[in-house]
Amino acid sequence: MQKTINCATFRKMVLAGARQLENNRAKVDALNVFPVPDGDTGTNMSLTMQSAVKELSSSASNSFAEVCDLVSKGALKGARGNSGVILSQIFRGLCSVLRAGKPDVDTKTFAKALESGTKVAYNAVAIPKEGTILTVVRCMSEFAVKNAGKYRDYEQFLPAIIEEGDKALAKTPELLPVLKKAGVVDSGGVGLMTIMRGFLSALMGEEVVSDVPTDSAPVSMDDDFGDNSEIINMDLGDIQFAYCTEFFVINLKKSTTLADIDKLRENLMQIGDSVICIGDLEMIKVHVHTNCPGVALTYALELGELDRPKIENMLEQNRLLKAKIAAEKKDQGMLAICAGEGISDIFKDLFVDRVIQGGQTMNPSASDIATAVQKINADNVFVFPNNKNIILAAEQAQALVENRTIHVIPTKNIPQGFAAALAFNPESSAEENKTNMIHALDNVKAGQVTHAVRTTKVNGFSIKEGDIIGLDDKKILAKSDNIETTVLTLLDKLKDDSHEVITLYYGEGVKETEAEALAAKVQEAFPDCDVDFHSGGQPVYYYLVSLE
C-alpha cells in the first residue's frame, strides 16, 4: 500500500509517462480531427515530455524541489504546438505545488497539485475551449480534490482519477461538435490520459518498454563548461559584476548535506548574480558573476574540493562585444516560421531577419523560437507563427529570452505572414508596426489544398482517403478527385468582390509547368483578378492560395 510519493517515485512517474506516450504517439496523431497528413498532437506532446525527461536526466538530484524545477523547465523549453504548450503548463502548475510541499506527498497534496496544474493551463490559453485536454485535466483535478480524503493510498486513488479522466474524455465529442462529426475524442486528452497511465505503471512497479531516450550524458569530469552566451546573453550594459567564475566541487565532505548545497547557492547570490549551483552529493557545478571570485571559491571549499576553476574578466569581454556589434544593433527585427525553400526565400526577400523551419508537420518548440529570437540583434522582434498551432508556443517563448521583447503577430497562415512582413516600416515605432501588421491580416484570405489521409465525415463532406480537399484556417470548403477542381472550388468559396489579386504557391512535387497551367485556368475563371504563381516548396500542401 503506497500512501505517499517521494522524489524518486515522481521521477519514475515522469519517465514512465514519457515512455507510455511515445509508445502511443502514432495513435494520438491519428485522432487529429481534420483528415490531412499533419496530425501531430501525439508528436508534439511526446517531444514536450522528452524535453522534460532530458532536463530531468541531466541531474541525479534527490531534492524534490530541484526535480520539479527540472521537469517544469524542460517541459517549457520543449513545448511544441498548442497541445505541448498546454501540457507544459499542466506540469508547471503540478510541480509548483509538489516542490513546495513535504518530501513525501500524500493524496491530498497531489490533488492540490493537479488542481494547480489545471489553473495554470487554463490561464495559458486566451480563450479556453471545453472539449479539449483542458476539460480532461479539470475533471480529474476536481474529482481528486473532492475525493482525496476518501483515498489514503495511491493504488486506489490514481486509478480512480484515471477513470474520471476517461469519462471526461468520452464526453469531449459532446462539447466540441467538430469531434462528434469526425467520430473521435480529443487527441490532446488522449495524450494526457496516456501519460497518466504511465504514472500508474510506475507506481505499480510495472516497466514500460520504449525507445524513448531517457538518458542524457551526466556532467562528467571531461565536460567543458560550455558557451556562456545564454548567461551573458549579449547584455552590453554596464557590468556590475566583473568576473565570470566557474568551477566544480568534487569529493564532497561526508558531513556535506543537500541543505549545504542550498546554502552555497544562497551565499553566492549574496555576492553576485547569474548564479548556477546544481548537482548532488557526488558533484556540484557552480557558475557566478561576482566581483569577489576568491570569496566564491572559499565558500565552495567548505563543502569539498575544487576542480577546474575558471575565472574570466567580463569587463574586457564586454568591451570587445560592444565594439563588434555596435554598428549592427537595431530596434526592430522579424522572425518567420515556415516550411518550404521557396516560402523561406520570399520571407527573406521581404527583409525578415531570420526564418526557422516549422509548420503543420513539425511545430517548433518555445525553446526553438526563443533561440532564434535571441540570434536577432534587435530589442523588439516580431514573430510570425504562420500556423494557429504555433501561436501559443511563440507566446511562451518570451519567458525564455532575455534582453528582447517578442511581439507575436497571430498569423495563422503563410499569406498572412507575407502581409505582416510587408506592413513593416523600420522608421515606425514597435507599437505602430505591431498595430499595422495586425490590421494587415484582415486584408488577406488564404486556403490550402492537400489530400485526405483517411475516410471520415466532417464539415458536411463525406471524405474518402485520397480525396483532394481544400481548407481555410477553420474548416474544409471543397473536395474532389483532382487538384484543379478543388483549387477552383476553394477560390470560389473564399473570393469576394474586394479581392483583386490571387496568388498560388505550389508545393514540393508540383511541377512549374503544372502550376503555370493551373494559374491560367484560375485567370480564366476569375478575369477580374490578377493571378500570379510562385514556387513555395512546402510539404503536405499541393497549393497555398492567397486572395487580397
Protein backbone atom coordinates (compact mmCIF):
# COMPACT_ATOMS: atom_id res chain seq x y z
CA MET A 1 0.00 0.00 0.00
CA GLN A 2 1.62 3.23 -1.18
CA LYS A 3 0.33 6.20 0.81
CA THR A 4 2.90 8.77 -0.36
CA ILE A 5 5.04 9.70 -3.35
CA ASN A 6 8.66 10.71 -2.82
CA CYS A 7 11.08 12.36 -5.20
CA ALA A 8 12.41 9.07 -6.60
CA THR A 9 8.89 7.83 -7.31
CA PHE A 10 7.91 11.07 -9.02
CA ARG A 11 11.00 10.84 -11.22
CA LYS A 12 9.96 7.32 -12.26
CA MET A 13 6.43 8.54 -12.96
CA VAL A 14 7.64 11.23 -15.33
CA LEU A 15 9.92 8.80 -17.18
CA ALA A 16 7.16 6.20 -17.46
CA GLY A 17 4.66 8.79 -18.64
CA ALA A 18 7.04 9.86 -21.41
CA ARG A 19 7.66 6.25 -22.47
CA GLN A 20 3.96 5.43 -22.49
CA LEU A 21 3.18 8.49 -24.62
CA GLU A 22 5.93 7.75 -27.12
CA ASN A 23 4.66 4.17 -27.44
CA ASN A 24 1.23 5.53 -28.37
CA ARG A 25 2.31 8.69 -30.21
CA ALA A 26 1.12 7.48 -33.63
CA LYS A 27 -2.29 6.53 -32.24
CA VAL A 28 -2.71 10.01 -30.74
CA ASP A 29 -1.61 11.61 -34.02
CA ALA A 30 -4.24 9.55 -35.87
CA LEU A 31 -7.02 11.20 -33.83
CA ASN A 32 -6.40 14.57 -35.47
CA VAL A 33 -9.83 15.97 -36.38
CA PHE A 34 -9.05 17.11 -39.91
CA PRO A 35 -8.14 14.28 -42.32
CA VAL A 36 -4.97 15.95 -43.54
CA PRO A 37 -1.47 14.48 -43.25
CA ASP A 38 -0.42 16.78 -40.42
CA GLY A 39 -1.90 15.13 -37.34
CA ASP A 40 0.85 15.85 -34.85
CA THR A 41 -0.74 16.19 -31.40
CA GLY A 42 0.91 13.00 -30.17
CA THR A 43 4.25 14.02 -31.64
CA ASN A 44 4.11 17.48 -30.10
CA MET A 45 3.16 16.16 -26.67
CA SER A 46 5.78 13.42 -26.84
CA LEU A 47 8.55 15.86 -27.79
CA THR A 48 7.46 18.09 -24.90
CA MET A 49 7.72 15.15 -22.49
CA GLN A 50 11.06 14.07 -23.93
CA SER A 51 12.41 17.56 -23.31
CA ALA A 52 11.29 17.29 -19.68
CA VAL A 53 12.95 13.87 -19.45
CA LYS A 54 16.18 15.19 -20.94
CA GLU A 55 16.30 18.03 -18.42
CA LEU A 56 15.43 15.66 -15.58
CA SER A 57 18.08 13.16 -16.61
CA SER A 58 20.75 15.86 -16.55
CA SER A 59 20.67 15.81 -12.75
CA ALA A 60 20.74 12.97 -10.26
CA SER A 61 19.47 15.24 -7.51
CA ASN A 62 17.16 13.73 -4.90
CA SER A 63 15.77 17.13 -3.99
CA PHE A 64 12.06 17.12 -4.75
CA ALA A 65 12.15 20.86 -5.42
CA GLU A 66 15.02 20.57 -7.89
CA VAL A 67 13.46 17.61 -9.69
CA CYS A 68 10.22 19.53 -10.04
CA ASP A 69 12.11 22.55 -11.36
CA LEU A 70 13.88 20.41 -13.94
CA VAL A 71 10.65 18.82 -15.14
CA SER A 72 8.88 22.17 -15.33
CA LYS A 73 11.76 23.88 -17.13
CA GLY A 74 12.30 21.01 -19.57
CA ALA A 75 8.63 20.80 -20.50
CA LEU A 76 8.50 24.54 -21.18
CA LYS A 77 11.70 24.53 -23.25
CA GLY A 78 10.42 21.70 -25.40
CA ALA A 79 6.77 22.76 -25.63
CA ARG A 80 5.55 22.33 -29.20
CA GLY A 81 2.15 23.18 -30.62
CA ASN A 82 -0.92 24.05 -28.59
CA SER A 83 -1.10 20.59 -27.03
CA GLY A 84 2.56 20.68 -25.98
CA VAL A 85 2.29 24.18 -24.52
CA ILE A 86 -0.81 23.27 -22.51
CA LEU A 87 0.87 20.09 -21.31
CA SER A 88 3.93 22.08 -20.20
CA GLN A 89 1.68 24.39 -18.21
CA ILE A 90 -0.06 21.46 -16.53
CA PHE A 91 3.34 20.24 -15.37
CA ARG A 92 4.35 23.75 -14.34
CA GLY A 93 1.36 24.07 -12.00
CA LEU A 94 1.69 20.49 -10.76
CA CYS A 95 5.38 20.91 -9.94
CA SER A 96 4.88 24.27 -8.23
CA VAL A 97 2.84 22.57 -5.51
CA LEU A 98 4.90 19.38 -5.25
CA ARG A 99 8.18 21.30 -4.85
CA ALA A 100 6.77 23.42 -2.02
CA GLY A 101 5.37 20.55 -0.01
CA LYS A 102 6.76 17.84 2.21
CA PRO A 103 9.33 15.32 0.90
CA ASP A 104 6.57 12.70 0.91
CA VAL A 105 3.44 13.74 -0.99
CA ASP A 106 0.12 12.34 0.20
CA THR A 107 -3.05 12.10 -1.88
CA LYS A 108 -4.42 15.45 -0.67
CA THR A 109 -1.26 17.28 -1.74
CA PHE A 110 -1.25 15.53 -5.10
CA ALA A 111 -4.87 16.60 -5.59
CA LYS A 112 -3.91 20.21 -4.89
CA ALA A 113 -1.01 19.89 -7.34
CA LEU A 114 -3.34 18.60 -10.05
CA GLU A 115 -5.70 21.49 -9.32
CA SER A 116 -2.81 23.94 -9.67
CA GLY A 117 -1.82 22.36 -13.00
CA THR A 118 -5.36 22.88 -14.24
CA LYS A 119 -5.43 26.55 -13.22
CA VAL A 120 -2.07 27.33 -14.83
CA ALA A 121 -3.05 25.52 -18.04
CA TYR A 122 -6.34 27.39 -18.30
CA ASN A 123 -4.54 30.70 -17.70
CA ALA A 124 -2.13 29.94 -20.55
CA VAL A 125 -4.95 29.94 -23.09
CA ALA A 126 -6.58 33.26 -24.01
CA ILE A 127 -9.95 31.65 -24.73
CA PRO A 128 -10.09 28.19 -23.07
CA LYS A 129 -12.18 25.76 -25.09
CA GLU A 130 -14.06 22.93 -23.42
CA GLY A 131 -13.97 19.52 -25.03
CA THR A 132 -10.18 19.57 -25.11
CA ILE A 133 -7.29 18.46 -22.91
CA LEU A 134 -8.29 21.31 -20.58
CA THR A 135 -11.64 19.69 -19.85
CA VAL A 136 -9.99 16.35 -19.14
CA VAL A 137 -7.45 17.73 -16.67
CA ARG A 138 -10.09 19.91 -14.99
CA CYS A 139 -12.45 16.99 -14.41
CA MET A 140 -9.63 14.90 -12.97
CA SER A 141 -8.48 17.68 -10.65
CA GLU A 142 -12.00 18.43 -9.43
CA PHE A 143 -12.55 14.75 -8.66
CA ALA A 144 -9.15 14.48 -6.97
CA VAL A 145 -9.72 17.48 -4.67
CA LYS A 146 -13.22 16.31 -3.74
CA ASN A 147 -12.26 12.70 -3.05
CA ALA A 148 -8.66 12.81 -1.81
CA GLY A 149 -9.82 12.26 1.75
CA LYS A 150 -11.52 9.01 0.78
CA TYR A 151 -8.37 7.52 -0.71
CA ARG A 152 -5.37 7.17 1.54
CA ASP A 153 -3.23 5.16 -0.89
CA TYR A 154 -2.29 5.83 -4.50
CA GLU A 155 -3.04 2.31 -5.68
CA GLN A 156 -6.72 3.17 -5.38
CA PHE A 157 -6.53 6.96 -5.77
CA LEU A 158 -4.72 7.19 -9.12
CA PRO A 159 -6.90 4.56 -10.90
CA ALA A 160 -9.98 6.46 -9.69
CA ILE A 161 -8.58 9.72 -11.11
CA ILE A 162 -7.81 7.98 -14.42
CA GLU A 163 -11.34 6.56 -14.55
CA GLU A 164 -12.73 10.07 -14.10
CA GLY A 165 -10.42 11.36 -16.83
CA ASP A 166 -11.60 8.65 -19.19
CA LYS A 167 -15.21 9.67 -18.53
CA ALA A 168 -14.37 13.29 -19.32
CA LEU A 169 -12.53 12.23 -22.46
CA ALA A 170 -15.51 10.22 -23.67
CA LYS A 171 -17.68 13.35 -23.34
CA THR A 172 -15.43 15.63 -25.40
CA PRO A 173 -17.36 14.96 -28.66
CA GLU A 174 -20.49 16.31 -26.94
CA LEU A 175 -18.67 19.54 -26.10
CA LEU A 176 -16.97 20.04 -29.45
CA PRO A 177 -19.25 19.34 -32.45
CA VAL A 178 -16.26 19.03 -34.77
CA LEU A 179 -15.11 15.99 -32.76
CA LYS A 180 -18.56 14.45 -32.90
CA LYS A 181 -18.76 14.86 -36.67
CA ALA A 182 -15.34 13.27 -37.11
CA GLY A 183 -16.24 10.43 -34.74
CA VAL A 184 -13.21 10.91 -32.48
CA VAL A 185 -12.40 12.09 -28.97
CA ASP A 186 -9.94 14.92 -28.28
CA SER A 187 -6.41 13.86 -29.21
CA GLY A 188 -4.78 16.06 -26.55
CA GLY A 189 -6.97 14.47 -23.91
CA VAL A 190 -5.91 11.03 -25.12
CA GLY A 191 -2.28 12.08 -24.84
CA LEU A 192 -2.80 13.28 -21.27
CA MET A 193 -4.55 10.07 -20.24
CA THR A 194 -1.72 8.08 -21.81
CA ILE A 195 0.74 9.92 -19.58
CA MET A 196 -1.46 9.27 -16.54
CA ARG A 197 -1.42 5.55 -17.30
CA GLY A 198 2.36 5.77 -17.43
CA PHE A 199 2.25 7.35 -13.97
CA LEU A 200 0.18 4.42 -12.73
CA SER A 201 2.56 1.87 -14.25
CA ALA A 202 5.46 3.47 -12.37
CA LEU A 203 3.52 3.40 -9.09
CA MET A 204 2.63 -0.26 -9.56
CA GLY A 205 6.21 -1.16 -10.40
CA GLU A 206 5.36 -2.16 -13.97
CA GLU A 207 8.02 -1.46 -16.58
CA VAL A 208 7.07 0.47 -19.69
CA VAL A 209 9.33 -0.63 -22.52
CA SER A 210 10.19 2.07 -25.06
CA ASP A 211 12.88 3.51 -27.24
CA VAL A 212 12.41 6.96 -25.73
CA PRO A 213 15.87 8.39 -24.97
CA THR A 214 15.55 8.90 -21.22
CA ASP A 215 19.23 9.11 -20.52
CA SER A 216 21.41 12.09 -21.26
CA ALA A 217 25.11 12.38 -20.61
CA PRO A 218 25.71 13.37 -16.98
CA VAL A 219 28.12 16.15 -16.13
CA SER A 220 31.46 14.40 -16.46
CA MET A 221 34.91 15.42 -15.37
CA ASP A 222 35.88 15.94 -19.01
CA ASP A 223 32.98 18.24 -19.92
CA ASP A 224 33.66 21.85 -20.76
CA PHE A 225 31.57 24.46 -19.06
CA GLY A 226 30.31 25.33 -22.49
CA ASP A 227 29.27 28.55 -24.09
CA ASN A 228 28.29 31.29 -21.64
CA SER A 229 26.17 33.11 -24.22
CA GLU A 230 22.93 32.02 -22.57
CA ILE A 231 24.10 33.59 -19.32
CA ILE A 232 25.89 36.68 -20.59
CA ASN A 233 23.30 36.93 -23.37
CA MET A 234 24.58 39.92 -25.28
CA ASP A 235 23.74 42.32 -22.45
CA LEU A 236 26.18 45.09 -23.21
CA GLY A 237 25.13 47.50 -20.49
CA ASP A 238 27.33 48.39 -17.57
CA ILE A 239 28.92 45.38 -15.93
CA GLN A 240 28.03 45.24 -12.24
CA PHE A 241 29.97 42.05 -11.55
CA ALA A 242 33.26 41.78 -13.38
CA TYR A 243 34.35 38.15 -13.11
CA CYS A 244 32.66 35.10 -14.55
CA THR A 245 33.63 32.41 -12.05
CA GLU A 246 33.05 28.72 -12.73
CA PHE A 247 34.16 25.51 -11.07
CA PHE A 248 33.14 22.04 -9.93
CA VAL A 249 33.04 20.85 -6.34
CA ILE A 250 34.07 17.20 -6.11
CA ASN A 251 34.88 14.69 -3.37
CA LEU A 252 32.38 16.35 -1.09
CA LYS A 253 32.95 16.04 2.64
CA LYS A 254 30.96 13.35 4.40
CA SER A 255 29.34 16.00 6.53
CA THR A 256 28.00 17.89 3.49
CA THR A 257 24.24 17.78 3.05
CA LEU A 258 21.80 18.93 0.37
CA ALA A 259 20.97 21.82 2.68
CA ASP A 260 24.63 22.86 2.47
CA ILE A 261 24.34 23.00 -1.32
CA ASP A 262 21.29 25.23 -0.96
CA LYS A 263 23.25 27.39 1.48
CA LEU A 264 26.12 27.66 -1.01
CA ARG A 265 23.66 28.87 -3.63
CA GLU A 266 22.29 31.48 -1.21
CA ASN A 267 25.78 32.69 -0.32
CA LEU A 268 26.71 33.04 -3.99
CA MET A 269 23.59 35.09 -4.63
CA GLN A 270 24.72 37.49 -1.93
CA ILE A 271 27.99 38.25 -3.73
CA GLY A 272 26.92 38.17 -7.38
CA ASP A 273 24.31 37.27 -9.98
CA SER A 274 23.73 34.74 -12.80
CA VAL A 275 24.12 32.04 -10.16
CA ILE A 276 24.01 28.40 -11.19
CA CYS A 277 24.58 25.91 -8.40
CA ILE A 278 23.36 22.47 -9.41
CA GLY A 279 24.32 18.94 -8.51
CA ASP A 280 24.10 16.48 -5.68
CA LEU A 281 26.31 14.93 -3.01
CA GLU A 282 28.55 13.50 -5.72
CA MET A 283 29.41 16.67 -7.59
CA ILE A 284 28.27 20.30 -7.83
CA LYS A 285 28.57 22.63 -10.79
CA VAL A 286 28.85 26.34 -9.96
CA HIS A 287 28.67 29.46 -12.07
CA VAL A 288 28.50 33.00 -10.69
CA HIS A 289 29.23 36.56 -11.86
CA THR A 290 30.93 38.30 -8.98
CA ASN A 291 33.49 40.91 -8.00
CA CYS A 292 34.85 38.52 -5.36
CA PRO A 293 35.81 35.27 -7.07
CA GLY A 294 38.07 34.35 -4.16
CA VAL A 295 35.13 34.51 -1.76
CA ALA A 296 33.09 32.24 -4.02
CA LEU A 297 35.90 29.68 -4.06
CA THR A 298 36.23 29.91 -0.28
CA TYR A 299 32.53 29.18 0.19
CA ALA A 300 32.83 26.10 -2.01
CA LEU A 301 35.90 24.79 -0.17
CA GLU A 302 33.72 24.34 2.90
CA LEU A 303 31.86 21.58 1.04
CA GLY A 304 34.64 19.75 -0.78
CA GLU A 305 37.50 20.01 -3.27
CA LEU A 306 37.65 22.43 -6.21
CA ASP A 307 38.10 21.17 -9.74
CA ARG A 308 38.83 23.11 -12.94
CA PRO A 309 38.23 26.63 -11.63
CA LYS A 310 37.91 29.21 -14.41
CA ILE A 311 37.75 32.98 -13.92
CA GLU A 312 37.18 35.31 -16.87
CA ASN A 313 37.24 39.10 -16.96
CA MET A 314 33.82 40.06 -18.34
CA LEU A 315 34.74 43.74 -18.45
CA GLU A 316 37.19 43.02 -21.25
CA GLN A 317 34.75 40.64 -22.95
CA ASN A 318 32.12 43.34 -22.75
CA ARG A 319 34.38 45.93 -24.39
CA LEU A 320 35.13 43.58 -27.27
CA LEU A 321 31.47 42.69 -27.78
CA LYS A 322 30.43 46.32 -27.76
CA ALA A 323 32.98 47.13 -30.42
CA LYS A 324 31.94 44.16 -32.53
CA ILE A 325 28.19 44.66 -32.72
CA ALA A 326 27.61 48.36 -32.02
CA ALA A 327 27.14 49.06 -35.72
CA GLU A 328 24.70 46.17 -36.11
CA LYS A 329 22.36 46.94 -33.21
CA LYS A 330 18.83 47.86 -34.25
CA ASP A 331 15.49 48.47 -32.63
CA GLN A 332 13.30 46.02 -34.52
CA GLY A 333 13.62 42.70 -36.31
CA MET A 334 11.41 39.97 -37.76
CA LEU A 335 11.28 36.16 -37.43
CA ALA A 336 9.13 33.91 -39.61
CA ILE A 337 8.27 30.24 -39.18
CA CYS A 338 7.56 28.29 -42.35
CA ALA A 339 8.24 25.15 -44.36
CA GLY A 340 9.48 25.14 -47.92
CA GLU A 341 12.56 26.68 -49.50
CA GLY A 342 10.54 28.93 -51.80
CA ILE A 343 8.41 30.28 -48.95
CA SER A 344 11.55 30.88 -46.92
CA ASP A 345 13.17 32.79 -49.80
CA ILE A 346 10.13 35.04 -50.13
CA PHE A 347 10.27 35.94 -46.45
CA LYS A 348 13.95 36.78 -46.81
CA ASP A 349 13.17 38.97 -49.82
CA LEU A 350 10.73 40.82 -47.53
CA PHE A 351 13.67 41.61 -45.20
CA VAL A 352 12.71 39.11 -42.50
CA ASP A 353 15.87 38.70 -40.39
CA ARG A 354 15.56 35.02 -39.65
CA VAL A 355 13.48 32.08 -40.84
CA ILE A 356 13.14 28.81 -38.96
CA GLN A 357 11.62 25.63 -40.29
CA GLY A 358 8.24 24.63 -38.97
CA GLY A 359 4.62 24.22 -39.88
CA GLN A 360 1.96 21.56 -39.92
CA THR A 361 4.27 18.58 -39.94
CA MET A 362 6.65 19.87 -37.27
CA ASN A 363 5.84 22.64 -34.83
CA PRO A 364 8.94 24.36 -33.39
CA SER A 365 9.13 24.43 -29.61
CA ALA A 366 9.07 27.52 -27.43
CA SER A 367 12.80 26.94 -26.93
CA ASP A 368 13.43 26.77 -30.70
CA ILE A 369 11.64 30.08 -31.21
CA ALA A 370 13.41 31.73 -28.25
CA THR A 371 16.81 30.61 -29.55
CA ALA A 372 16.06 32.08 -32.99
CA VAL A 373 14.83 35.35 -31.47
CA GLN A 374 17.99 35.58 -29.39
CA LYS A 375 20.07 35.46 -32.57
CA ILE A 376 18.37 38.55 -33.98
CA ASN A 377 20.24 41.58 -32.73
CA ALA A 378 17.19 43.74 -32.06
CA ASP A 379 15.40 44.96 -28.96
CA ASN A 380 11.98 44.14 -30.42
CA VAL A 381 11.37 41.05 -32.52
CA PHE A 382 8.14 40.42 -34.41
CA VAL A 383 7.36 36.71 -34.69
CA PHE A 384 5.11 35.36 -37.44
CA PRO A 385 3.98 31.82 -36.42
CA ASN A 386 2.09 31.35 -39.72
CA ASN A 387 0.16 28.48 -38.17
CA LYS A 388 -2.52 28.61 -35.48
CA ASN A 389 -0.91 25.64 -33.72
CA ILE A 390 2.35 27.57 -33.22
CA ILE A 391 0.95 30.80 -31.78
CA LEU A 392 0.89 29.58 -28.15
CA ALA A 393 4.46 28.30 -28.32
CA ALA A 394 5.58 31.65 -29.73
CA GLU A 395 3.88 33.45 -26.84
CA GLN A 396 5.56 31.14 -24.30
CA ALA A 397 8.97 31.88 -25.84
CA GLN A 398 9.02 35.30 -24.15
CA ALA A 399 9.74 33.59 -20.82
CA LEU A 400 12.88 32.03 -22.32
CA VAL A 401 14.54 35.13 -23.78
CA GLU A 402 16.49 37.94 -22.21
CA ASN A 403 17.04 41.50 -23.44
CA ARG A 404 14.46 41.03 -26.17
CA THR A 405 10.77 41.82 -26.39
CA ILE A 406 8.79 39.37 -28.51
CA HIS A 407 5.74 40.69 -30.36
CA VAL A 408 3.74 37.72 -31.62
CA ILE A 409 1.70 38.65 -34.67
CA PRO A 410 -1.04 35.96 -34.75
CA THR A 411 -0.56 34.92 -38.37
CA LYS A 412 -2.41 31.67 -38.99
CA ASN A 413 -1.07 31.01 -42.48
CA ILE A 414 1.75 31.92 -44.83
CA PRO A 415 -0.09 34.64 -46.81
CA GLN A 416 -0.88 36.45 -43.56
CA GLY A 417 2.82 36.24 -42.71
CA PHE A 418 3.72 37.86 -46.02
CA ALA A 419 1.16 40.62 -45.39
CA ALA A 420 2.55 41.28 -41.92
CA ALA A 421 6.12 41.47 -43.22
CA LEU A 422 5.07 43.88 -45.98
CA ALA A 423 3.46 46.14 -43.37
CA PHE A 424 6.76 46.58 -41.51
CA ASN A 425 8.28 50.06 -41.59
CA PRO A 426 11.72 50.43 -39.95
CA GLU A 427 11.03 54.13 -39.39
CA SER A 428 7.93 53.44 -37.29
CA SER A 429 7.86 52.50 -33.61
CA ALA A 430 7.40 48.91 -32.49
CA GLU A 431 3.85 49.59 -31.32
CA GLU A 432 2.95 51.28 -34.61
CA ASN A 433 4.37 48.38 -36.59
CA LYS A 434 2.54 45.86 -34.42
CA THR A 435 -0.76 47.67 -34.97
CA ASN A 436 -0.20 47.93 -38.73
CA MET A 437 0.81 44.29 -39.01
CA ILE A 438 -2.27 43.05 -37.17
CA HIS A 439 -4.51 45.24 -39.32
CA ALA A 440 -2.82 43.87 -42.46
CA LEU A 441 -4.02 40.35 -41.59
CA ASP A 442 -7.63 41.42 -42.22
CA ASN A 443 -6.85 42.10 -45.88
CA VAL A 444 -5.87 38.52 -46.66
CA LYS A 445 -7.85 35.34 -47.18
CA ALA A 446 -5.97 32.10 -47.50
CA GLY A 447 -6.55 28.44 -48.23
CA GLN A 448 -4.67 25.20 -48.58
CA VAL A 449 -5.08 22.21 -50.85
CA THR A 450 -3.95 18.74 -49.82
CA HIS A 451 -5.17 15.13 -49.78
CA ALA A 452 -7.22 13.25 -47.21
CA VAL A 453 -5.37 10.56 -45.31
CA ARG A 454 -8.44 8.77 -44.01
CA THR A 455 -12.15 8.32 -44.66
CA THR A 456 -14.44 10.43 -42.49
CA LYS A 457 -17.37 12.83 -42.39
CA VAL A 458 -16.58 16.42 -41.45
CA ASN A 459 -17.85 19.93 -42.28
CA GLY A 460 -20.74 18.44 -44.25
CA PHE A 461 -18.46 16.43 -46.54
CA SER A 462 -18.14 12.68 -46.89
CA ILE A 463 -14.38 12.38 -47.32
CA LYS A 464 -12.65 9.34 -48.75
CA GLU A 465 -8.98 8.59 -48.30
CA GLY A 466 -7.11 10.13 -51.24
CA ASP A 467 -9.67 12.85 -51.96
CA ILE A 468 -8.22 16.29 -52.78
CA ILE A 469 -9.54 18.71 -50.19
CA GLY A 470 -9.42 22.49 -49.84
CA LEU A 471 -9.43 24.21 -46.45
CA ASP A 472 -9.27 27.62 -44.88
CA ASP A 473 -7.96 28.02 -41.32
CA LYS A 474 -11.14 26.64 -39.81
CA LYS A 475 -12.78 24.00 -41.96
CA ILE A 476 -12.91 22.06 -45.21
CA LEU A 477 -14.56 24.05 -48.00
CA ALA A 478 -14.03 21.91 -51.09
CA LYS A 479 -13.27 18.37 -52.20
CA SER A 480 -12.94 16.47 -55.45
CA ASP A 481 -10.83 13.77 -57.05
CA ASN A 482 -8.38 16.21 -58.66
CA ILE A 483 -6.30 19.23 -57.70
CA GLU A 484 -7.59 21.65 -60.36
CA THR A 485 -11.27 21.28 -59.45
CA THR A 486 -10.56 21.60 -55.73
CA VAL A 487 -8.45 24.75 -56.22
CA LEU A 488 -11.10 26.44 -58.35
CA THR A 489 -13.91 25.48 -55.94
CA LEU A 490 -11.92 26.65 -52.95
CA LEU A 491 -11.15 30.01 -54.57
CA ASP A 492 -14.81 30.46 -55.44
CA LYS A 493 -15.74 29.89 -51.77
CA LEU A 494 -13.05 32.28 -50.49
CA LYS A 495 -13.33 35.12 -53.01
CA ASP A 496 -15.45 38.23 -52.51
CA ASP A 497 -15.84 41.45 -54.52
CA SER A 498 -12.98 43.21 -52.70
CA HIS A 499 -10.32 40.79 -53.91
CA GLU A 500 -8.12 41.94 -56.78
CA VAL A 501 -5.10 39.60 -56.62
CA ILE A 502 -4.93 35.79 -56.42
CA THR A 503 -1.58 34.13 -55.76
CA LEU A 504 -0.80 30.41 -55.92
CA TYR A 505 2.21 28.97 -54.07
CA TYR A 506 2.91 25.48 -55.36
CA GLY A 507 4.45 22.84 -53.13
CA GLU A 508 7.07 20.16 -53.45
CA GLY A 509 6.12 17.56 -56.01
CA VAL A 510 4.21 20.06 -58.16
CA LYS A 511 5.95 20.98 -61.41
CA GLU A 512 6.27 24.59 -62.52
CA THR A 513 4.52 23.80 -65.80
CA GLU A 514 1.58 22.36 -63.85
CA ALA A 515 1.36 25.46 -61.67
CA GLU A 516 1.54 27.70 -64.75
CA ALA A 517 -1.30 25.80 -66.41
CA LEU A 518 -3.43 25.98 -63.28
CA ALA A 519 -2.77 29.72 -62.93
CA ALA A 520 -4.10 30.17 -66.47
CA LYS A 521 -7.27 28.26 -65.57
CA VAL A 522 -7.68 30.43 -62.46
CA GLN A 523 -7.23 33.58 -64.54
CA GLU A 524 -9.90 32.36 -66.94
CA ALA A 525 -12.30 31.60 -64.07
CA PHE A 526 -11.67 34.90 -62.29
CA PRO A 527 -10.98 37.50 -65.01
CA ASP A 528 -11.49 40.41 -62.60
CA CYS A 529 -8.34 39.43 -60.65
CA ASP A 530 -4.62 39.46 -61.38
CA VAL A 531 -3.32 35.91 -60.97
CA ASP A 532 0.27 35.02 -60.12
CA PHE A 533 2.10 31.87 -59.01
CA HIS A 534 5.34 31.17 -57.13
CA SER A 535 7.32 28.16 -56.02
CA GLY A 536 6.73 27.58 -52.33
CA GLY A 537 8.27 24.14 -51.99
CA GLN A 538 6.07 23.45 -48.95
CA PRO A 539 5.41 19.87 -47.88
CA VAL A 540 1.91 18.44 -47.24
CA TYR A 541 0.06 21.04 -49.33
CA TYR A 542 -0.07 20.98 -53.13
CA TYR A 543 -1.03 24.65 -53.14
CA LEU A 544 -1.33 27.55 -50.75
CA VAL A 545 -3.68 30.20 -52.14
CA SER A 546 -3.87 33.87 -51.22
CA LEU A 547 -6.57 36.40 -52.04
CA GLU A 548 -6.02 40.12 -51.48
